[in-house]
Amino acid sequence: MAYIGKVAVPAQWSELESLIKAQIDGQSSFAFASGKTYSLQTEDGVLRVCNSTSAPTLDADGEHLDDNQFGLYKSDSGTFYVRSNTKNGVCLVSVSEVA
């Protein structure tokens, strides 16, 4: 498993790939590789996730990961969107590539 980094997720829907590029040193050209699997783990707060060809419009779109819950994302078509679903509006998520 290759650790990619940890990002703060805002309360509005955002592309996880863009958050990684903006927040993690050395990842400015990061892109999810097609067919690869990535693990996500919330560290502080509840995360909503949605793989879609267009940005989600409703707060309740997609699925959720509770605090400290683990999920997998397999990169294929579409864009992986995330948003924080916590009172303070920020969720920390750790991302790794699974071998």
Protein backbone atom coordinates (compact mmCIF):
# COMPACT_ATOMS: atom_id res chain seq x y z
CA MET A 1 0.00 0.00 0.00
CA ALA A 2 1.45 3.36 -1.00
CA TYR A 3 0.41 6.23 1.25
CA ILE A 4 -0.55 9.33 -0.75
CA GLY A 5 -1.42 11.76 2.01
CA LYS A 6 -4.10 13.37 4.12
CA VAL A 7 -6.41 16.19 3.03
CA ALA A 8 -8.95 18.44 4.70
CA VAL A 9 -12.33 18.13 3.00
CA PRO A 10 -14.64 21.19 2.91
CA ALA A 11 -18.41 21.21 3.43
CA GLN A 12 -19.12 21.69 -0.31
CA TRP A 13 -18.68 18.98 -2.94
CA SER A 14 -15.08 18.98 -4.23
CA GLU A 15 -13.01 16.72 -6.47
CA LEU A 16 -10.77 14.61 -4.25
CA GLU A 17 -8.07 14.62 -6.91
CA SER A 18 -7.98 18.45 -6.84
CA LEU A 19 -7.81 18.50 -3.03
CA ILE A 20 -4.83 16.12 -3.12
CA LYS A 21 -3.04 18.28 -5.70
CA ALA A 22 -3.61 21.47 -3.72
CA GLN A 23 -2.88 20.22 -0.21
CA ILE A 24 -0.19 17.53 -0.34
CA ASP A 25 3.42 18.50 -1.02
CA GLY A 26 4.84 16.74 -4.06
CA GLN A 27 1.40 15.76 -5.42
CA SER A 28 0.71 18.76 -7.69
CA SER A 29 0.35 16.48 -10.72
CA PHE A 30 -1.54 13.68 -8.94
CA ALA A 31 -4.17 11.76 -10.91
CA PHE A 32 -6.14 8.67 -9.96
CA ALA A 33 -4.85 5.88 -12.21
CA SER A 34 -7.51 3.98 -14.14
CA GLY A 35 -8.15 0.50 -12.79
CA LYS A 36 -6.22 1.10 -9.53
CA THR A 37 -7.86 0.80 -6.13
CA TYR A 38 -7.49 3.45 -3.43
CA SER A 39 -8.33 3.26 0.26
CA LEU A 40 -9.94 6.14 2.11
CA GLN A 41 -10.21 6.54 5.85
CA THR A 42 -11.88 9.38 7.68
CA GLU A 43 -9.94 10.63 10.65
CA ASP A 44 -12.04 13.45 12.01
CA GLY A 45 -15.66 13.75 10.98
CA VAL A 46 -18.10 12.21 8.52
CA LEU A 47 -17.31 12.13 4.80
CA ARG A 48 -19.77 11.93 1.90
CA VAL A 49 -18.40 10.37 -1.30
CA CYS A 50 -19.82 10.21 -4.82
CA ASN A 51 -18.31 8.88 -8.05
CA SER A 52 -20.13 10.70 -10.83
CA THR A 53 -19.68 12.14 -14.32
CA SER A 54 -20.97 15.49 -13.01
CA ALA A 55 -20.74 17.30 -9.69
CA PRO A 56 -23.39 16.17 -7.17
CA THR A 57 -26.04 18.78 -6.42
CA LEU A 58 -27.61 17.56 -3.18
CA ASP A 59 -25.90 17.34 0.22
CA ALA A 60 -27.20 13.78 0.64
CA ASP A 61 -25.95 12.49 -2.75
CA GLY A 62 -23.55 9.56 -2.75
CA GLU A 63 -22.64 7.49 0.27
CA HIS A 64 -21.10 8.28 3.63
CA LEU A 65 -18.16 7.14 5.71
CA ASP A 66 -18.50 7.67 9.44
CA ASP A 67 -15.63 8.88 11.61
CA ASN A 68 -12.68 6.44 11.35
CA GLN A 69 -14.51 4.30 8.79
CA PHE A 70 -12.59 2.76 5.86
CA GLY A 71 -13.71 2.68 2.23
CA LEU A 72 -12.31 1.65 -1.16
CA TYR A 73 -12.43 3.56 -4.44
CA LYS A 74 -11.56 1.94 -7.77
CA SER A 75 -10.70 4.52 -10.36
CA ASP A 76 -12.66 4.10 -13.59
CA SER A 77 -14.94 6.54 -15.39
CA GLY A 78 -16.33 9.60 -13.67
CA THR A 79 -14.89 11.88 -11.03
CA PHE A 80 -14.61 11.12 -7.33
CA TYR A 81 -16.29 13.89 -5.33
CA VAL A 82 -16.15 14.32 -1.56
CA ARG A 83 -17.65 16.67 1.00
CA SER A 84 -17.51 16.96 4.74
CA ASN A 85 -20.68 16.19 6.62
CA THR A 86 -19.48 17.43 10.01
CA LYS A 87 -20.49 20.32 12.24
CA ASN A 88 -17.22 22.18 11.73
CA GLY A 89 -17.29 21.72 7.94
CA VAL A 90 -13.96 19.90 7.65
CA CYS A 91 -13.17 16.20 7.52
CA LEU A 92 -9.66 14.79 7.32
CA VAL A 93 -9.29 11.87 4.93
CA SER A 94 -6.24 9.67 4.47
CA VAL A 95 -5.70 8.25 0.95
CA SER A 96 -3.54 5.30 -0.08
CA GLU A 97 -3.06 3.28 -3.26
CA VAL A 98 -3.73 -0.41 -2.66
CA ALA A 99 -1.29 -2.83 -4.28
